Amino acid sequence: MMKIGVISDTHGEAGLTEQAIHTLDRLDAQLILHCGDIGLDVVPLFHGRSVHFVSGNIDDTARLRETITEPGHTFHESFGDLTIEGRRVAFLHGDDVKLLHHTIHDGHWDLVCHGHTHAFSTCHEGRTLVLNPGALSRTHDPSVALVDVASLDVTKISF
């Protein structure tokens, strides 16, 4: 039974990002998805973990591409898709509203993760679970999410 951590909108905030990573480690997250607005300063904090990143609207994509080079780290540009234990997962920042809407409603995905709004939310659109883990920076309610891939149960983790 695999668990994944979902993080977004760290904006280079090292302190809370480090706390979130350690919390996800403690909760046995085997994989982390970062939904953008990363900030170059936090990338090294994910050392030694399996992490998939997408860029957000404030990220410098070229510099991220150069920075995200560690084995186990994958940079998917602006749109990521994975199959995890048979579940189709898409992740993107969410600032491209048309792309986000299309991804949510095309019926292809079991889980769509996005950020951008800095507010935690989860809902079902047809067969698709839509998750925004919230933000770790520039918010009054810093949070990340833990997802049980088999059941698609989501746990909000607040800081």
N, C-alpha and C. Protein backbone atom coordinates (compact mmCIF):
# COMPACT_ATOMS: atom_id res chain seq x y z
N MET A 1 0.85 -1.18 0.00
CA MET A 1 0.00 0.00 0.00
C MET A 1 0.89 1.24 0.00
N MET A 2 0.93 1.93 -1.13
CA MET A 2 1.82 3.08 -1.29
C MET A 2 1.14 4.37 -0.84
N LYS A 3 1.94 5.21 -0.19
CA LYS A 3 1.49 6.54 0.20
C LYS A 3 2.36 7.57 -0.51
N ILE A 4 1.71 8.62 -1.00
CA ILE A 4 2.46 9.70 -1.64
C ILE A 4 2.18 11.01 -0.92
N GLY A 5 3.20 11.82 -0.84
CA GLY A 5 3.06 13.16 -0.29
C GLY A 5 2.84 14.13 -1.44
N VAL A 6 1.97 15.10 -1.23
CA VAL A 6 1.71 16.11 -2.26
C VAL A 6 1.95 17.48 -1.62
N ILE A 7 2.85 18.25 -2.26
CA ILE A 7 3.29 19.55 -1.76
C ILE A 7 3.12 20.56 -2.89
N SER A 8 2.84 21.80 -2.54
CA SER A 8 2.81 22.86 -3.54
C SER A 8 3.15 24.19 -2.90
N ASP A 9 3.52 25.13 -3.73
CA ASP A 9 3.68 26.52 -3.34
C ASP A 9 4.58 26.69 -2.11
N THR A 10 5.80 26.14 -2.22
CA THR A 10 6.78 26.32 -1.15
C THR A 10 7.48 27.67 -1.26
N HIS A 11 7.55 28.23 -2.47
CA HIS A 11 8.10 29.58 -2.69
C HIS A 11 9.47 29.78 -2.01
N GLY A 12 10.28 28.73 -1.95
CA GLY A 12 11.60 28.85 -1.36
C GLY A 12 11.63 28.89 0.16
N GLU A 13 10.50 28.64 0.81
CA GLU A 13 10.39 28.67 2.28
C GLU A 13 10.99 27.39 2.86
N ALA A 14 12.26 27.47 3.27
CA ALA A 14 13.00 26.28 3.69
C ALA A 14 12.49 25.68 4.99
N GLY A 15 12.17 26.49 5.98
CA GLY A 15 11.79 25.97 7.30
C GLY A 15 10.57 25.07 7.26
N LEU A 16 9.47 25.56 6.73
CA LEU A 16 8.24 24.75 6.68
C LEU A 16 8.38 23.60 5.68
N THR A 17 9.14 23.81 4.61
CA THR A 17 9.33 22.72 3.65
C THR A 17 10.08 21.57 4.31
N GLU A 18 11.11 21.89 5.07
CA GLU A 18 11.86 20.86 5.79
C GLU A 18 10.96 20.12 6.78
N GLN A 19 10.13 20.86 7.50
CA GLN A 19 9.18 20.24 8.43
C GLN A 19 8.24 19.30 7.69
N ALA A 20 7.73 19.75 6.56
CA ALA A 20 6.79 18.93 5.78
C ALA A 20 7.46 17.66 5.29
N ILE A 21 8.68 17.77 4.80
CA ILE A 21 9.40 16.59 4.30
C ILE A 21 9.60 15.58 5.43
N HIS A 22 10.03 16.05 6.60
CA HIS A 22 10.24 15.13 7.72
C HIS A 22 8.93 14.50 8.19
N THR A 23 7.86 15.26 8.16
CA THR A 23 6.54 14.71 8.53
C THR A 23 6.12 13.63 7.53
N LEU A 24 6.30 13.89 6.24
CA LEU A 24 5.94 12.90 5.23
C LEU A 24 6.82 11.66 5.35
N ASP A 25 8.10 11.84 5.70
CA ASP A 25 8.97 10.69 5.96
C ASP A 25 8.41 9.85 7.10
N ARG A 26 8.04 10.52 8.18
CA ARG A 26 7.53 9.83 9.37
C ARG A 26 6.23 9.07 9.06
N LEU A 27 5.45 9.58 8.11
CA LEU A 27 4.18 8.95 7.73
C LEU A 27 4.35 7.95 6.58
N ASP A 28 5.60 7.63 6.25
CA ASP A 28 5.94 6.61 5.24
C ASP A 28 5.54 6.96 3.81
N ALA A 29 5.60 8.23 3.44
CA ALA A 29 5.38 8.59 2.04
C ALA A 29 6.58 8.09 1.23
N GLN A 30 6.31 7.26 0.23
CA GLN A 30 7.40 6.70 -0.57
C GLN A 30 7.75 7.57 -1.77
N LEU A 31 6.89 8.54 -2.07
CA LEU A 31 7.05 9.38 -3.25
C LEU A 31 6.46 10.74 -2.92
N ILE A 32 7.05 11.81 -3.45
CA ILE A 32 6.51 13.15 -3.24
C ILE A 32 6.26 13.80 -4.60
N LEU A 33 5.11 14.41 -4.74
CA LEU A 33 4.80 15.23 -5.91
C LEU A 33 4.83 16.68 -5.47
N HIS A 34 5.55 17.51 -6.19
CA HIS A 34 5.57 18.95 -5.90
C HIS A 34 4.87 19.65 -7.07
N CYS A 35 3.78 20.35 -6.77
CA CYS A 35 2.93 20.95 -7.79
C CYS A 35 3.29 22.39 -8.14
N GLY A 36 4.54 22.76 -7.98
CA GLY A 36 5.01 24.03 -8.51
C GLY A 36 5.06 25.19 -7.55
N ASP A 37 5.60 26.31 -8.05
CA ASP A 37 6.01 27.46 -7.25
C ASP A 37 6.95 26.96 -6.15
N ILE A 38 8.04 26.36 -6.62
CA ILE A 38 8.97 25.64 -5.78
C ILE A 38 9.93 26.59 -5.06
N GLY A 39 10.68 27.36 -5.85
CA GLY A 39 11.76 28.18 -5.30
C GLY A 39 13.02 27.34 -5.25
N LEU A 40 14.07 27.79 -5.90
CA LEU A 40 15.30 26.98 -6.03
C LEU A 40 15.91 26.57 -4.70
N ASP A 41 15.75 27.40 -3.67
CA ASP A 41 16.40 27.13 -2.38
C ASP A 41 15.91 25.85 -1.70
N VAL A 42 14.69 25.40 -2.00
CA VAL A 42 14.18 24.22 -1.30
C VAL A 42 14.51 22.91 -2.01
N VAL A 43 14.93 22.96 -3.26
CA VAL A 43 15.20 21.72 -4.00
C VAL A 43 16.18 20.80 -3.26
N PRO A 44 17.31 21.31 -2.72
CA PRO A 44 18.24 20.41 -2.01
C PRO A 44 17.64 19.74 -0.77
N LEU A 45 16.58 20.30 -0.20
CA LEU A 45 15.97 19.71 0.99
C LEU A 45 15.35 18.34 0.71
N PHE A 46 15.06 18.06 -0.55
CA PHE A 46 14.43 16.80 -0.93
C PHE A 46 15.46 15.69 -1.21
N HIS A 47 16.71 15.95 -0.87
CA HIS A 47 17.81 15.00 -1.10
C HIS A 47 17.46 13.61 -0.57
N GLY A 48 17.74 12.60 -1.39
CA GLY A 48 17.58 11.22 -0.97
C GLY A 48 16.16 10.69 -1.05
N ARG A 49 15.26 11.47 -1.61
CA ARG A 49 13.86 11.05 -1.72
C ARG A 49 13.46 10.97 -3.19
N SER A 50 12.42 10.21 -3.46
CA SER A 50 11.87 10.15 -4.81
C SER A 50 10.86 11.28 -4.96
N VAL A 51 11.18 12.26 -5.80
CA VAL A 51 10.35 13.46 -5.93
C VAL A 51 10.13 13.78 -7.41
N HIS A 52 8.90 14.12 -7.74
CA HIS A 52 8.53 14.57 -9.08
C HIS A 52 8.06 16.01 -8.96
N PHE A 53 8.68 16.89 -9.75
CA PHE A 53 8.39 18.32 -9.70
C PHE A 53 7.75 18.79 -11.01
N VAL A 54 6.84 19.77 -10.91
CA VAL A 54 6.41 20.56 -12.06
C VAL A 54 6.62 22.03 -11.71
N SER A 55 6.78 22.85 -12.72
CA SER A 55 7.01 24.27 -12.47
C SER A 55 5.69 25.00 -12.25
N GLY A 56 5.78 26.09 -11.51
CA GLY A 56 4.64 26.96 -11.28
C GLY A 56 4.85 28.29 -11.98
N ASN A 57 3.90 29.18 -11.83
CA ASN A 57 3.96 30.45 -12.56
C ASN A 57 5.07 31.38 -12.08
N ILE A 58 5.61 31.18 -10.88
CA ILE A 58 6.72 32.05 -10.44
C ILE A 58 8.08 31.38 -10.63
N ASP A 59 8.10 30.11 -11.04
CA ASP A 59 9.36 29.39 -11.19
C ASP A 59 10.06 29.76 -12.49
N ASP A 60 11.38 29.77 -12.45
CA ASP A 60 12.22 29.92 -13.63
C ASP A 60 12.48 28.50 -14.14
N THR A 61 11.75 28.10 -15.17
CA THR A 61 11.79 26.71 -15.64
C THR A 61 13.20 26.29 -16.04
N ALA A 62 13.93 27.15 -16.73
CA ALA A 62 15.29 26.80 -17.17
C ALA A 62 16.20 26.56 -15.97
N ARG A 63 16.12 27.40 -14.95
CA ARG A 63 16.96 27.23 -13.76
C ARG A 63 16.54 25.99 -12.98
N LEU A 64 15.23 25.71 -12.91
CA LEU A 64 14.78 24.49 -12.24
C LEU A 64 15.33 23.26 -12.95
N ARG A 65 15.26 23.27 -14.26
CA ARG A 65 15.75 22.13 -15.05
C ARG A 65 17.23 21.87 -14.72
N GLU A 66 18.00 22.94 -14.54
CA GLU A 66 19.42 22.81 -14.18
C GLU A 66 19.61 22.35 -12.73
N THR A 67 18.70 22.74 -11.84
CA THR A 67 18.84 22.47 -10.40
C THR A 67 18.35 21.08 -10.01
N ILE A 68 17.29 20.61 -10.66
CA ILE A 68 16.68 19.31 -10.31
C ILE A 68 17.40 18.22 -11.09
N THR A 69 18.51 17.76 -10.52
CA THR A 69 19.35 16.78 -11.21
C THR A 69 19.65 15.54 -10.37
N GLU A 70 19.26 15.55 -9.13
CA GLU A 70 19.59 14.42 -8.25
C GLU A 70 18.90 13.15 -8.72
N PRO A 71 19.60 12.00 -8.63
CA PRO A 71 18.93 10.73 -8.93
C PRO A 71 17.68 10.59 -8.05
N GLY A 72 16.60 10.13 -8.64
CA GLY A 72 15.34 10.01 -7.90
C GLY A 72 14.48 11.25 -8.01
N HIS A 73 15.03 12.33 -8.55
CA HIS A 73 14.25 13.55 -8.78
C HIS A 73 13.96 13.67 -10.28
N THR A 74 12.71 13.98 -10.60
CA THR A 74 12.31 14.14 -11.99
C THR A 74 11.60 15.46 -12.16
N PHE A 75 12.01 16.22 -13.16
CA PHE A 75 11.36 17.49 -13.48
C PHE A 75 10.51 17.29 -14.74
N HIS A 76 9.21 17.52 -14.61
CA HIS A 76 8.26 17.27 -15.69
C HIS A 76 7.85 18.53 -16.43
N GLU A 77 8.60 19.61 -16.28
CA GLU A 77 8.22 20.89 -16.89
C GLU A 77 6.91 21.36 -16.27
N SER A 78 5.86 21.60 -17.08
CA SER A 78 4.62 22.16 -16.53
C SER A 78 3.51 21.13 -16.30
N PHE A 79 3.71 19.89 -16.74
CA PHE A 79 2.66 18.87 -16.58
C PHE A 79 3.32 17.51 -16.34
N GLY A 80 2.93 16.87 -15.25
CA GLY A 80 3.45 15.56 -14.94
C GLY A 80 2.36 14.51 -14.96
N ASP A 81 2.70 13.32 -15.42
CA ASP A 81 1.76 12.21 -15.31
C ASP A 81 2.52 10.94 -14.99
N LEU A 82 1.95 10.17 -14.08
CA LEU A 82 2.55 8.93 -13.62
C LEU A 82 1.45 7.88 -13.48
N THR A 83 1.84 6.63 -13.56
CA THR A 83 0.97 5.54 -13.16
C THR A 83 1.60 4.96 -11.89
N ILE A 84 0.84 5.02 -10.81
CA ILE A 84 1.32 4.55 -9.51
C ILE A 84 0.37 3.47 -9.02
N GLU A 85 0.89 2.26 -8.90
CA GLU A 85 0.07 1.11 -8.47
C GLU A 85 -1.24 1.05 -9.27
N GLY A 86 -1.15 1.24 -10.57
CA GLY A 86 -2.31 1.14 -11.44
C GLY A 86 -3.19 2.38 -11.49
N ARG A 87 -2.88 3.37 -10.70
CA ARG A 87 -3.65 4.64 -10.68
C ARG A 87 -3.00 5.65 -11.61
N ARG A 88 -3.81 6.27 -12.44
CA ARG A 88 -3.32 7.33 -13.34
C ARG A 88 -3.35 8.66 -12.58
N VAL A 89 -2.18 9.28 -12.45
CA VAL A 89 -2.04 10.50 -11.66
C VAL A 89 -1.48 11.62 -12.55
N ALA A 90 -2.16 12.76 -12.55
CA ALA A 90 -1.67 13.95 -13.23
C ALA A 90 -1.38 15.01 -12.18
N PHE A 91 -0.34 15.82 -12.42
CA PHE A 91 -0.06 16.92 -11.50
C PHE A 91 0.48 18.10 -12.30
N LEU A 92 0.00 19.26 -11.91
CA LEU A 92 0.33 20.50 -12.58
C LEU A 92 0.14 21.62 -11.58
N HIS A 93 0.59 22.82 -11.93
CA HIS A 93 0.48 23.90 -10.96
C HIS A 93 -0.96 24.38 -10.81
N GLY A 94 -1.64 24.61 -11.92
CA GLY A 94 -3.04 25.03 -11.84
C GLY A 94 -3.27 26.47 -12.28
N ASP A 95 -2.20 27.19 -12.61
CA ASP A 95 -2.37 28.57 -13.07
C ASP A 95 -2.94 28.62 -14.48
N ASP A 96 -2.72 27.58 -15.29
CA ASP A 96 -3.33 27.48 -16.61
C ASP A 96 -4.71 26.85 -16.40
N VAL A 97 -5.70 27.72 -16.23
CA VAL A 97 -7.04 27.27 -15.84
C VAL A 97 -7.66 26.35 -16.89
N LYS A 98 -7.44 26.63 -18.16
CA LYS A 98 -8.00 25.76 -19.22
C LYS A 98 -7.40 24.36 -19.15
N LEU A 99 -6.08 24.29 -18.98
CA LEU A 99 -5.42 22.98 -18.88
C LEU A 99 -5.89 22.24 -17.63
N LEU A 100 -5.99 22.94 -16.52
CA LEU A 100 -6.46 22.31 -15.28
C LEU A 100 -7.88 21.77 -15.48
N HIS A 101 -8.77 22.59 -16.02
CA HIS A 101 -10.17 22.18 -16.24
C HIS A 101 -10.22 20.96 -17.18
N HIS A 102 -9.47 21.00 -18.26
CA HIS A 102 -9.46 19.88 -19.20
C HIS A 102 -8.95 18.61 -18.52
N THR A 103 -7.87 18.74 -17.75
CA THR A 103 -7.29 17.57 -17.08
C THR A 103 -8.28 16.96 -16.10
N ILE A 104 -8.96 17.80 -15.35
CA ILE A 104 -9.93 17.31 -14.36
C ILE A 104 -11.11 16.60 -15.03
N HIS A 105 -11.57 17.15 -16.16
CA HIS A 105 -12.83 16.67 -16.75
C HIS A 105 -12.67 15.70 -17.91
N ASP A 106 -11.44 15.36 -18.31
CA ASP A 106 -11.33 14.48 -19.48
C ASP A 106 -11.56 13.00 -19.15
N GLY A 107 -11.72 12.65 -17.87
CA GLY A 107 -12.07 11.29 -17.49
C GLY A 107 -10.92 10.30 -17.56
N HIS A 108 -9.72 10.79 -17.79
CA HIS A 108 -8.57 9.92 -17.99
C HIS A 108 -7.82 9.62 -16.69
N TRP A 109 -8.02 10.46 -15.66
CA TRP A 109 -7.18 10.41 -14.47
C TRP A 109 -7.95 9.93 -13.25
N ASP A 110 -7.26 9.16 -12.40
CA ASP A 110 -7.81 8.78 -11.11
C ASP A 110 -7.59 9.89 -10.09
N LEU A 111 -6.44 10.58 -10.21
CA LEU A 111 -6.07 11.63 -9.27
C LEU A 111 -5.43 12.78 -10.05
N VAL A 112 -5.92 13.99 -9.80
CA VAL A 112 -5.32 15.20 -10.37
C VAL A 112 -4.90 16.08 -9.19
N CYS A 113 -3.60 16.39 -9.12
CA CYS A 113 -3.06 17.23 -8.05
C CYS A 113 -2.62 18.56 -8.64
N HIS A 114 -2.95 19.64 -7.93
CA HIS A 114 -2.55 20.97 -8.39
C HIS A 114 -2.40 21.88 -7.19
N GLY A 115 -1.79 23.02 -7.41
CA GLY A 115 -1.62 24.02 -6.37
C GLY A 115 -2.20 25.34 -6.82
N HIS A 116 -1.43 26.40 -6.68
CA HIS A 116 -1.67 27.75 -7.16
C HIS A 116 -2.59 28.59 -6.27
N THR A 117 -3.66 28.04 -5.74
CA THR A 117 -4.62 28.86 -4.97
C THR A 117 -4.21 29.03 -3.51
N HIS A 118 -3.23 28.25 -3.05
CA HIS A 118 -2.75 28.29 -1.67
C HIS A 118 -3.80 27.83 -0.66
N ALA A 119 -4.83 27.15 -1.12
CA ALA A 119 -5.89 26.67 -0.22
C ALA A 119 -6.10 25.17 -0.43
N PHE A 120 -6.09 24.42 0.67
CA PHE A 120 -6.33 22.98 0.61
C PHE A 120 -7.75 22.73 0.11
N SER A 121 -7.90 21.77 -0.80
CA SER A 121 -9.23 21.35 -1.22
C SER A 121 -9.14 19.95 -1.80
N THR A 122 -10.24 19.26 -1.70
CA THR A 122 -10.35 17.95 -2.31
C THR A 122 -11.81 17.74 -2.72
N CYS A 123 -12.01 17.18 -3.90
CA CYS A 123 -13.37 16.90 -4.37
C CYS A 123 -13.31 15.84 -5.46
N HIS A 124 -14.44 15.26 -5.76
CA HIS A 124 -14.53 14.30 -6.86
C HIS A 124 -15.24 14.96 -8.03
N GLU A 125 -14.67 14.78 -9.21
CA GLU A 125 -15.31 15.18 -10.46
C GLU A 125 -15.41 13.91 -11.28
N GLY A 126 -16.62 13.31 -11.30
CA GLY A 126 -16.76 12.01 -11.94
C GLY A 126 -15.91 11.00 -11.19
N ARG A 127 -15.08 10.27 -11.91
CA ARG A 127 -14.22 9.26 -11.28
C ARG A 127 -12.90 9.84 -10.80
N THR A 128 -12.68 11.14 -10.99
CA THR A 128 -11.40 11.77 -10.70
C THR A 128 -11.42 12.46 -9.35
N LEU A 129 -10.44 12.13 -8.51
CA LEU A 129 -10.23 12.86 -7.26
C LEU A 129 -9.32 14.04 -7.57
N VAL A 130 -9.77 15.23 -7.21
CA VAL A 130 -9.01 16.46 -7.44
C VAL A 130 -8.50 16.93 -6.08
N LEU A 131 -7.17 17.14 -6.01
CA LEU A 131 -6.54 17.49 -4.74
C LEU A 131 -5.65 18.71 -4.90
N ASN A 132 -5.86 19.70 -4.05
CA ASN A 132 -4.94 20.81 -3.88
C ASN A 132 -4.42 20.68 -2.45
N PRO A 133 -3.10 20.43 -2.28
CA PRO A 133 -2.57 20.22 -0.93
C PRO A 133 -2.43 21.50 -0.11
N GLY A 134 -2.79 22.64 -0.71
CA GLY A 134 -2.58 23.91 -0.05
C GLY A 134 -1.17 24.40 -0.33
N ALA A 135 -0.66 25.26 0.52
CA ALA A 135 0.66 25.87 0.32
C ALA A 135 1.45 25.82 1.62
N LEU A 136 2.76 25.94 1.48
CA LEU A 136 3.62 26.04 2.67
C LEU A 136 4.11 27.46 2.88
N SER A 137 3.84 28.34 1.94
CA SER A 137 4.29 29.72 2.03
C SER A 137 3.19 30.63 1.52
N ARG A 138 3.16 31.87 2.03
CA ARG A 138 2.18 32.86 1.60
C ARG A 138 0.75 32.40 1.83
N THR A 139 0.52 31.84 3.01
CA THR A 139 -0.81 31.36 3.40
C THR A 139 -0.95 31.46 4.92
N HIS A 140 -2.19 31.54 5.39
CA HIS A 140 -2.45 31.53 6.83
C HIS A 140 -2.66 30.11 7.35
N ASP A 141 -2.74 29.13 6.43
CA ASP A 141 -3.01 27.75 6.79
C ASP A 141 -2.05 26.83 6.03
N PRO A 142 -0.76 26.82 6.42
CA PRO A 142 0.20 25.98 5.70
C PRO A 142 -0.16 24.50 5.80
N SER A 143 -0.12 23.81 4.65
CA SER A 143 -0.50 22.40 4.65
C SER A 143 0.11 21.67 3.47
N VAL A 144 0.16 20.35 3.61
CA VAL A 144 0.49 19.40 2.55
C VAL A 144 -0.54 18.27 2.67
N ALA A 145 -0.43 17.29 1.78
CA ALA A 145 -1.38 16.17 1.83
C ALA A 145 -0.63 14.85 1.72
N LEU A 146 -1.23 13.84 2.31
CA LEU A 146 -0.76 12.46 2.19
C LEU A 146 -1.89 11.67 1.53
N VAL A 147 -1.56 10.93 0.48
CA VAL A 147 -2.57 10.17 -0.26
C VAL A 147 -2.23 8.69 -0.19
N ASP A 148 -3.20 7.89 0.23
CA ASP A 148 -3.10 6.44 0.14
C ASP A 148 -3.53 6.07 -1.29
N VAL A 149 -2.59 5.59 -2.08
CA VAL A 149 -2.86 5.37 -3.50
C VAL A 149 -3.95 4.33 -3.72
N ALA A 150 -3.96 3.26 -2.94
CA ALA A 150 -4.94 2.20 -3.14
C ALA A 150 -6.37 2.68 -2.94
N SER A 151 -6.61 3.41 -1.84
CA SER A 151 -7.97 3.85 -1.51
C SER A 151 -8.27 5.27 -1.97
N LEU A 152 -7.23 6.01 -2.33
CA LEU A 152 -7.32 7.45 -2.64
C LEU A 152 -7.86 8.26 -1.46
N ASP A 153 -7.59 7.75 -0.25
CA ASP A 153 -7.90 8.53 0.95
C ASP A 153 -6.85 9.62 1.10
N VAL A 154 -7.31 10.83 1.43
CA VAL A 154 -6.42 11.98 1.56
C VAL A 154 -6.41 12.45 3.02
N THR A 155 -5.23 12.72 3.53
CA THR A 155 -5.06 13.30 4.85
C THR A 155 -4.42 14.67 4.70
N LYS A 156 -5.05 15.68 5.25
CA LYS A 156 -4.46 17.01 5.26
C LYS A 156 -3.52 17.10 6.46
N ILE A 157 -2.33 17.62 6.23
CA ILE A 157 -1.36 17.80 7.29
C ILE A 157 -1.08 19.29 7.40
N SER A 158 -1.45 19.87 8.52
CA SER A 158 -1.29 21.32 8.73
C SER A 158 -0.05 21.62 9.56
N PHE A 159 0.50 22.79 9.35
CA PHE A 159 1.70 23.22 10.09
C PHE A 159 1.47 24.57 10.75
